[in-house]
Amino acid sequence: MNPSYAFTVEIDQPMAAATDTLRAALGTEKMGIVSEVDVQATLRNKLGIDSHPQKLLGICSPGIAHALMTAEPDIGALLPCSAAVTETVAGRTRIALQDPLVIAAQSQNAQVHEACAQASAALRRVVEGLRTGAAT
């Protein structure tokens, strides 16, 4: 399933290694992971639920974030872009990166649309690199 709001890819790595690979791939696009939520630990600690390894990540490009917040200061409420990383089976990880065009759709500002288009293109390159193994 490829949702309209995200770019997805599955790679043959455990979640920790896949997250490191993602981090390196994002770095080539001057992006990075600025926050991490360990969903598996949160579910266990708060609800007593055992689940497979999964994390929510905040992805950011400082330059693009600055351009967005300069163009429309309140758009910071939608930043950073989100990512979900989940180990679907042992040794195989699914990565879903929010398409920044989802943010652009909430604004009428041309500068916001331009910055989100740049970010979307960068994340498409990241996913393609992960898919082809160029980022590993």
N, C-alpha and C. Protein backbone atom coordinates (compact mmCIF):
# COMPACT_ATOMS: atom_id res chain seq x y z
N MET A 1 0.83 -1.18 0.00
CA MET A 1 0.00 0.00 0.00
C MET A 1 0.88 1.25 0.00
N ASN A 2 0.65 2.15 -0.93
CA ASN A 2 1.36 3.41 -0.99
C ASN A 2 0.35 4.54 -0.81
N PRO A 3 0.29 5.10 0.40
CA PRO A 3 -0.69 6.16 0.65
C PRO A 3 -0.35 7.43 -0.12
N SER A 4 -1.36 8.25 -0.39
CA SER A 4 -1.16 9.48 -1.14
C SER A 4 -0.39 10.53 -0.35
N TYR A 5 -0.30 10.40 0.94
CA TYR A 5 0.33 11.40 1.80
C TYR A 5 1.78 11.08 2.16
N ALA A 6 2.30 9.95 1.66
CA ALA A 6 3.66 9.55 2.05
C ALA A 6 4.36 8.79 0.94
N PHE A 7 5.68 8.85 1.00
CA PHE A 7 6.54 8.04 0.14
C PHE A 7 6.97 6.85 0.99
N THR A 8 6.85 5.64 0.46
CA THR A 8 7.17 4.46 1.25
C THR A 8 8.21 3.59 0.55
N VAL A 9 8.95 2.88 1.38
CA VAL A 9 9.94 1.94 0.88
C VAL A 9 10.18 0.90 1.98
N GLU A 10 10.47 -0.32 1.58
CA GLU A 10 10.87 -1.36 2.52
C GLU A 10 12.30 -1.76 2.20
N ILE A 11 13.10 -1.90 3.25
CA ILE A 11 14.49 -2.29 3.05
C ILE A 11 14.83 -3.47 3.95
N ASP A 12 15.75 -4.28 3.48
CA ASP A 12 16.14 -5.49 4.21
C ASP A 12 17.21 -5.15 5.25
N GLN A 13 16.77 -4.47 6.30
CA GLN A 13 17.62 -4.14 7.45
C GLN A 13 16.74 -4.11 8.69
N PRO A 14 17.31 -4.46 9.84
CA PRO A 14 16.56 -4.26 11.08
C PRO A 14 16.31 -2.76 11.29
N MET A 15 15.37 -2.44 12.13
CA MET A 15 14.95 -1.04 12.28
C MET A 15 16.10 -0.11 12.66
N ALA A 16 16.94 -0.47 13.59
CA ALA A 16 18.03 0.42 14.01
C ALA A 16 18.96 0.72 12.84
N ALA A 17 19.34 -0.30 12.09
CA ALA A 17 20.21 -0.10 10.93
C ALA A 17 19.50 0.71 9.85
N ALA A 18 18.21 0.42 9.64
CA ALA A 18 17.44 1.15 8.62
C ALA A 18 17.33 2.63 8.98
N THR A 19 17.18 2.92 10.27
CA THR A 19 17.12 4.32 10.72
C THR A 19 18.45 5.01 10.46
N ASP A 20 19.55 4.32 10.71
CA ASP A 20 20.87 4.89 10.41
C ASP A 20 21.04 5.11 8.91
N THR A 21 20.58 4.17 8.10
CA THR A 21 20.65 4.31 6.65
C THR A 21 19.80 5.49 6.19
N LEU A 22 18.61 5.62 6.76
CA LEU A 22 17.75 6.76 6.44
C LEU A 22 18.43 8.07 6.83
N ARG A 23 19.02 8.11 8.01
CA ARG A 23 19.70 9.31 8.49
C ARG A 23 20.80 9.74 7.50
N ALA A 24 21.57 8.78 7.02
CA ALA A 24 22.63 9.08 6.05
C ALA A 24 22.05 9.58 4.73
N ALA A 25 20.98 8.94 4.28
CA ALA A 25 20.34 9.35 3.02
C ALA A 25 19.77 10.76 3.13
N LEU A 26 19.16 11.07 4.25
CA LEU A 26 18.64 12.41 4.47
C LEU A 26 19.77 13.44 4.47
N GLY A 27 20.90 13.07 5.04
CA GLY A 27 22.04 13.97 5.09
C GLY A 27 22.52 14.41 3.72
N THR A 28 22.38 13.54 2.74
CA THR A 28 22.80 13.91 1.38
C THR A 28 21.91 14.99 0.80
N GLU A 29 20.73 15.17 1.37
CA GLU A 29 19.77 16.19 0.92
C GLU A 29 19.71 17.37 1.90
N LYS A 30 20.71 17.45 2.81
CA LYS A 30 20.75 18.51 3.82
C LYS A 30 19.52 18.49 4.71
N MET A 31 19.08 17.28 5.01
CA MET A 31 17.95 17.05 5.91
C MET A 31 18.43 16.18 7.05
N GLY A 32 17.62 16.10 8.09
CA GLY A 32 18.00 15.26 9.21
C GLY A 32 16.81 14.87 10.06
N ILE A 33 17.08 13.97 11.00
CA ILE A 33 16.08 13.55 11.98
C ILE A 33 16.26 14.44 13.20
N VAL A 34 15.21 15.18 13.54
CA VAL A 34 15.30 16.12 14.66
C VAL A 34 14.55 15.64 15.91
N SER A 35 13.74 14.58 15.75
CA SER A 35 13.05 14.03 16.91
C SER A 35 12.72 12.57 16.66
N GLU A 36 12.65 11.81 17.75
CA GLU A 36 12.32 10.39 17.66
C GLU A 36 11.37 10.01 18.80
N VAL A 37 10.34 9.27 18.47
CA VAL A 37 9.43 8.72 19.47
C VAL A 37 9.46 7.21 19.31
N ASP A 38 9.82 6.51 20.36
CA ASP A 38 9.85 5.05 20.35
C ASP A 38 8.43 4.56 20.66
N VAL A 39 7.67 4.28 19.62
CA VAL A 39 6.28 3.87 19.76
C VAL A 39 6.18 2.56 20.52
N GLN A 40 7.06 1.63 20.22
CA GLN A 40 7.03 0.33 20.88
C GLN A 40 7.17 0.51 22.40
N ALA A 41 8.13 1.31 22.84
CA ALA A 41 8.34 1.54 24.27
C ALA A 41 7.16 2.30 24.89
N THR A 42 6.64 3.28 24.18
CA THR A 42 5.51 4.06 24.69
C THR A 42 4.29 3.18 24.89
N LEU A 43 3.99 2.33 23.91
CA LEU A 43 2.84 1.43 24.04
C LEU A 43 3.02 0.47 25.22
N ARG A 44 4.25 -0.02 25.38
CA ARG A 44 4.53 -0.94 26.48
C ARG A 44 4.39 -0.22 27.83
N ASN A 45 5.01 0.96 27.96
CA ASN A 45 5.04 1.68 29.23
C ASN A 45 3.70 2.31 29.60
N LYS A 46 2.98 2.83 28.63
CA LYS A 46 1.74 3.56 28.92
C LYS A 46 0.49 2.70 28.86
N LEU A 47 0.50 1.68 28.00
CA LEU A 47 -0.70 0.88 27.79
C LEU A 47 -0.52 -0.61 28.07
N GLY A 48 0.70 -1.04 28.35
CA GLY A 48 0.96 -2.45 28.59
C GLY A 48 0.81 -3.31 27.35
N ILE A 49 0.97 -2.69 26.16
CA ILE A 49 0.81 -3.41 24.90
C ILE A 49 2.18 -3.76 24.33
N ASP A 50 2.36 -5.01 23.97
CA ASP A 50 3.59 -5.42 23.28
C ASP A 50 3.35 -5.29 21.79
N SER A 51 4.26 -4.62 21.10
CA SER A 51 4.13 -4.45 19.65
C SER A 51 5.48 -4.67 19.00
N HIS A 52 5.46 -4.68 17.69
CA HIS A 52 6.69 -4.80 16.92
C HIS A 52 7.46 -3.47 17.02
N PRO A 53 8.76 -3.47 16.72
CA PRO A 53 9.54 -2.23 16.78
C PRO A 53 8.99 -1.19 15.80
N GLN A 54 8.75 0.02 16.32
CA GLN A 54 8.29 1.11 15.48
C GLN A 54 8.64 2.45 16.13
N LYS A 55 8.97 3.41 15.27
CA LYS A 55 9.30 4.76 15.73
C LYS A 55 8.62 5.78 14.83
N LEU A 56 8.36 6.94 15.42
CA LEU A 56 7.94 8.11 14.67
C LEU A 56 9.10 9.07 14.69
N LEU A 57 9.44 9.62 13.53
CA LEU A 57 10.57 10.52 13.40
C LEU A 57 10.10 11.87 12.89
N GLY A 58 10.77 12.92 13.34
CA GLY A 58 10.57 14.25 12.78
C GLY A 58 11.71 14.53 11.82
N ILE A 59 11.39 14.81 10.57
CA ILE A 59 12.38 15.06 9.52
C ILE A 59 12.37 16.55 9.19
N CYS A 60 13.57 17.15 9.09
CA CYS A 60 13.63 18.58 8.84
C CYS A 60 14.81 18.94 7.96
N SER A 61 14.61 19.94 7.14
CA SER A 61 15.67 20.64 6.42
C SER A 61 15.67 22.05 6.98
N PRO A 62 16.72 22.46 7.69
CA PRO A 62 16.71 23.79 8.29
C PRO A 62 16.44 24.90 7.28
N GLY A 63 17.02 24.80 6.10
CA GLY A 63 16.81 25.83 5.08
C GLY A 63 15.37 25.91 4.61
N ILE A 64 14.78 24.75 4.38
CA ILE A 64 13.38 24.73 3.93
C ILE A 64 12.46 25.16 5.06
N ALA A 65 12.72 24.70 6.28
CA ALA A 65 11.89 25.11 7.42
C ALA A 65 11.95 26.63 7.60
N HIS A 66 13.14 27.20 7.46
CA HIS A 66 13.28 28.66 7.58
C HIS A 66 12.48 29.37 6.49
N ALA A 67 12.58 28.88 5.27
CA ALA A 67 11.83 29.49 4.16
C ALA A 67 10.32 29.41 4.42
N LEU A 68 9.85 28.27 4.89
CA LEU A 68 8.43 28.11 5.17
C LEU A 68 7.96 29.05 6.27
N MET A 69 8.72 29.11 7.36
CA MET A 69 8.29 29.91 8.50
C MET A 69 8.48 31.41 8.24
N THR A 70 9.34 31.76 7.31
CA THR A 70 9.46 33.16 6.90
C THR A 70 8.25 33.54 6.05
N ALA A 71 7.86 32.65 5.16
CA ALA A 71 6.72 32.91 4.28
C ALA A 71 5.40 32.91 5.05
N GLU A 72 5.30 32.03 6.02
CA GLU A 72 4.03 31.86 6.75
C GLU A 72 4.35 31.35 8.16
N PRO A 73 4.57 32.24 9.12
CA PRO A 73 5.05 31.87 10.45
C PRO A 73 4.25 30.76 11.14
N ASP A 74 2.95 30.73 10.99
CA ASP A 74 2.15 29.72 11.68
C ASP A 74 2.29 28.33 11.10
N ILE A 75 2.94 28.20 9.94
CA ILE A 75 3.10 26.88 9.33
C ILE A 75 4.02 25.99 10.17
N GLY A 76 4.71 26.60 11.11
CA GLY A 76 5.52 25.82 12.04
C GLY A 76 4.70 24.78 12.80
N ALA A 77 3.40 25.00 12.89
CA ALA A 77 2.53 24.02 13.55
C ALA A 77 2.49 22.69 12.79
N LEU A 78 2.89 22.70 11.52
CA LEU A 78 2.89 21.48 10.70
C LEU A 78 4.28 20.87 10.55
N LEU A 79 5.29 21.49 11.17
CA LEU A 79 6.67 21.02 11.03
C LEU A 79 7.12 20.33 12.31
N PRO A 80 8.10 19.44 12.26
CA PRO A 80 8.76 18.93 11.07
C PRO A 80 7.88 17.92 10.34
N CYS A 81 8.31 17.57 9.14
CA CYS A 81 7.61 16.51 8.41
C CYS A 81 7.77 15.21 9.19
N SER A 82 6.78 14.38 9.11
CA SER A 82 6.77 13.14 9.89
C SER A 82 7.25 11.95 9.08
N ALA A 83 7.76 10.98 9.81
CA ALA A 83 8.16 9.71 9.22
C ALA A 83 7.77 8.60 10.19
N ALA A 84 7.44 7.46 9.64
CA ALA A 84 7.17 6.27 10.45
C ALA A 84 8.13 5.18 9.99
N VAL A 85 8.78 4.55 10.96
CA VAL A 85 9.72 3.47 10.68
C VAL A 85 9.26 2.27 11.49
N THR A 86 9.01 1.17 10.82
CA THR A 86 8.50 -0.01 11.52
C THR A 86 9.15 -1.28 10.98
N GLU A 87 9.57 -2.12 11.90
CA GLU A 87 10.15 -3.40 11.49
C GLU A 87 9.00 -4.38 11.30
N THR A 88 8.61 -4.56 10.04
CA THR A 88 7.43 -5.36 9.72
C THR A 88 7.63 -6.83 10.05
N VAL A 89 8.79 -7.35 9.78
CA VAL A 89 9.23 -8.68 10.20
C VAL A 89 10.70 -8.53 10.56
N ALA A 90 11.21 -9.46 11.32
CA ALA A 90 12.60 -9.36 11.76
C ALA A 90 13.53 -9.15 10.56
N GLY A 91 14.29 -8.07 10.60
CA GLY A 91 15.25 -7.80 9.56
C GLY A 91 14.72 -7.04 8.35
N ARG A 92 13.45 -6.67 8.36
CA ARG A 92 12.84 -5.94 7.23
C ARG A 92 12.08 -4.74 7.78
N THR A 93 12.41 -3.56 7.28
CA THR A 93 11.86 -2.32 7.82
C THR A 93 11.14 -1.53 6.75
N ARG A 94 9.95 -1.04 7.09
CA ARG A 94 9.17 -0.17 6.21
C ARG A 94 9.36 1.27 6.69
N ILE A 95 9.64 2.16 5.75
CA ILE A 95 9.82 3.58 6.03
C ILE A 95 8.76 4.33 5.24
N ALA A 96 8.03 5.20 5.93
CA ALA A 96 7.03 6.06 5.29
C ALA A 96 7.40 7.51 5.63
N LEU A 97 7.66 8.30 4.60
CA LEU A 97 8.03 9.70 4.77
C LEU A 97 6.89 10.58 4.28
N GLN A 98 6.42 11.46 5.13
CA GLN A 98 5.33 12.37 4.76
C GLN A 98 5.73 13.20 3.55
N ASP A 99 4.84 13.28 2.59
CA ASP A 99 5.07 14.13 1.43
C ASP A 99 4.80 15.58 1.84
N PRO A 100 5.79 16.47 1.77
CA PRO A 100 5.58 17.86 2.16
C PRO A 100 4.49 18.58 1.36
N LEU A 101 4.09 18.01 0.24
CA LEU A 101 2.98 18.62 -0.51
C LEU A 101 1.68 18.58 0.30
N VAL A 102 1.61 17.69 1.30
CA VAL A 102 0.47 17.66 2.21
C VAL A 102 0.41 18.98 2.99
N ILE A 103 1.57 19.50 3.37
CA ILE A 103 1.64 20.79 4.06
C ILE A 103 1.26 21.91 3.08
N ALA A 104 1.81 21.86 1.88
CA ALA A 104 1.54 22.90 0.88
C ALA A 104 0.04 23.03 0.62
N ALA A 105 -0.67 21.92 0.65
CA ALA A 105 -2.10 21.94 0.36
C ALA A 105 -2.89 22.76 1.38
N GLN A 106 -2.27 23.05 2.52
CA GLN A 106 -2.96 23.81 3.56
C GLN A 106 -2.76 25.32 3.42
N SER A 107 -2.00 25.74 2.40
CA SER A 107 -1.65 27.15 2.26
C SER A 107 -1.94 27.64 0.84
N GLN A 108 -2.21 28.92 0.75
CA GLN A 108 -2.38 29.58 -0.55
C GLN A 108 -1.11 30.33 -0.95
N ASN A 109 -0.08 30.30 -0.11
CA ASN A 109 1.14 31.06 -0.31
C ASN A 109 2.07 30.37 -1.32
N ALA A 110 2.42 31.06 -2.40
CA ALA A 110 3.28 30.49 -3.44
C ALA A 110 4.65 30.11 -2.91
N GLN A 111 5.18 30.88 -1.95
CA GLN A 111 6.49 30.55 -1.38
C GLN A 111 6.43 29.24 -0.59
N VAL A 112 5.34 29.01 0.08
CA VAL A 112 5.15 27.75 0.80
C VAL A 112 5.11 26.60 -0.20
N HIS A 113 4.37 26.77 -1.28
CA HIS A 113 4.27 25.72 -2.30
C HIS A 113 5.64 25.42 -2.90
N GLU A 114 6.43 26.45 -3.16
CA GLU A 114 7.76 26.25 -3.75
C GLU A 114 8.68 25.50 -2.79
N ALA A 115 8.71 25.91 -1.52
CA ALA A 115 9.57 25.25 -0.55
C ALA A 115 9.15 23.79 -0.34
N CYS A 116 7.85 23.56 -0.28
CA CYS A 116 7.36 22.18 -0.10
C CYS A 116 7.65 21.32 -1.32
N ALA A 117 7.60 21.89 -2.49
CA ALA A 117 7.94 21.15 -3.71
C ALA A 117 9.41 20.75 -3.69
N GLN A 118 10.28 21.64 -3.22
CA GLN A 118 11.70 21.31 -3.10
C GLN A 118 11.90 20.16 -2.11
N ALA A 119 11.23 20.25 -0.96
CA ALA A 119 11.35 19.21 0.05
C ALA A 119 10.79 17.88 -0.46
N SER A 120 9.68 17.94 -1.17
CA SER A 120 9.08 16.72 -1.72
C SER A 120 10.03 16.04 -2.69
N ALA A 121 10.64 16.82 -3.56
CA ALA A 121 11.59 16.26 -4.53
C ALA A 121 12.78 15.62 -3.81
N ALA A 122 13.27 16.28 -2.76
CA ALA A 122 14.39 15.74 -2.01
C ALA A 122 14.02 14.42 -1.35
N LEU A 123 12.84 14.33 -0.77
CA LEU A 123 12.42 13.09 -0.12
C LEU A 123 12.17 11.99 -1.14
N ARG A 124 11.71 12.35 -2.31
CA ARG A 124 11.57 11.34 -3.38
C ARG A 124 12.94 10.75 -3.73
N ARG A 125 13.96 11.62 -3.79
CA ARG A 125 15.32 11.13 -4.08
C ARG A 125 15.82 10.23 -2.95
N VAL A 126 15.52 10.58 -1.71
CA VAL A 126 15.91 9.75 -0.57
C VAL A 126 15.28 8.37 -0.70
N VAL A 127 13.98 8.32 -0.95
CA VAL A 127 13.28 7.03 -1.06
C VAL A 127 13.82 6.22 -2.23
N GLU A 128 14.07 6.87 -3.35
CA GLU A 128 14.61 6.16 -4.50
C GLU A 128 15.99 5.59 -4.19
N GLY A 129 16.81 6.36 -3.47
CA GLY A 129 18.12 5.86 -3.06
C GLY A 129 18.01 4.67 -2.13
N LEU A 130 17.06 4.71 -1.22
CA LEU A 130 16.82 3.57 -0.33
C LEU A 130 16.33 2.36 -1.12
N ARG A 131 15.45 2.61 -2.07
CA ARG A 131 14.87 1.53 -2.88
C ARG A 131 15.94 0.83 -3.72
N THR A 132 16.83 1.61 -4.32
CA THR A 132 17.84 1.04 -5.20
C THR A 132 19.09 0.57 -4.46
N GLY A 133 19.15 0.88 -3.17
CA GLY A 133 20.32 0.49 -2.41
C GLY A 133 21.44 1.51 -2.48
N ALA A 134 21.23 2.61 -3.17
CA ALA A 134 22.27 3.64 -3.29
C ALA A 134 22.56 4.30 -1.95
N ALA A 135 21.60 4.23 -1.02
CA ALA A 135 21.78 4.90 0.27
C ALA A 135 22.35 3.95 1.33
N THR A 136 22.54 2.69 0.98
CA THR A 136 23.02 1.73 2.00
C THR A 136 24.51 1.59 1.97
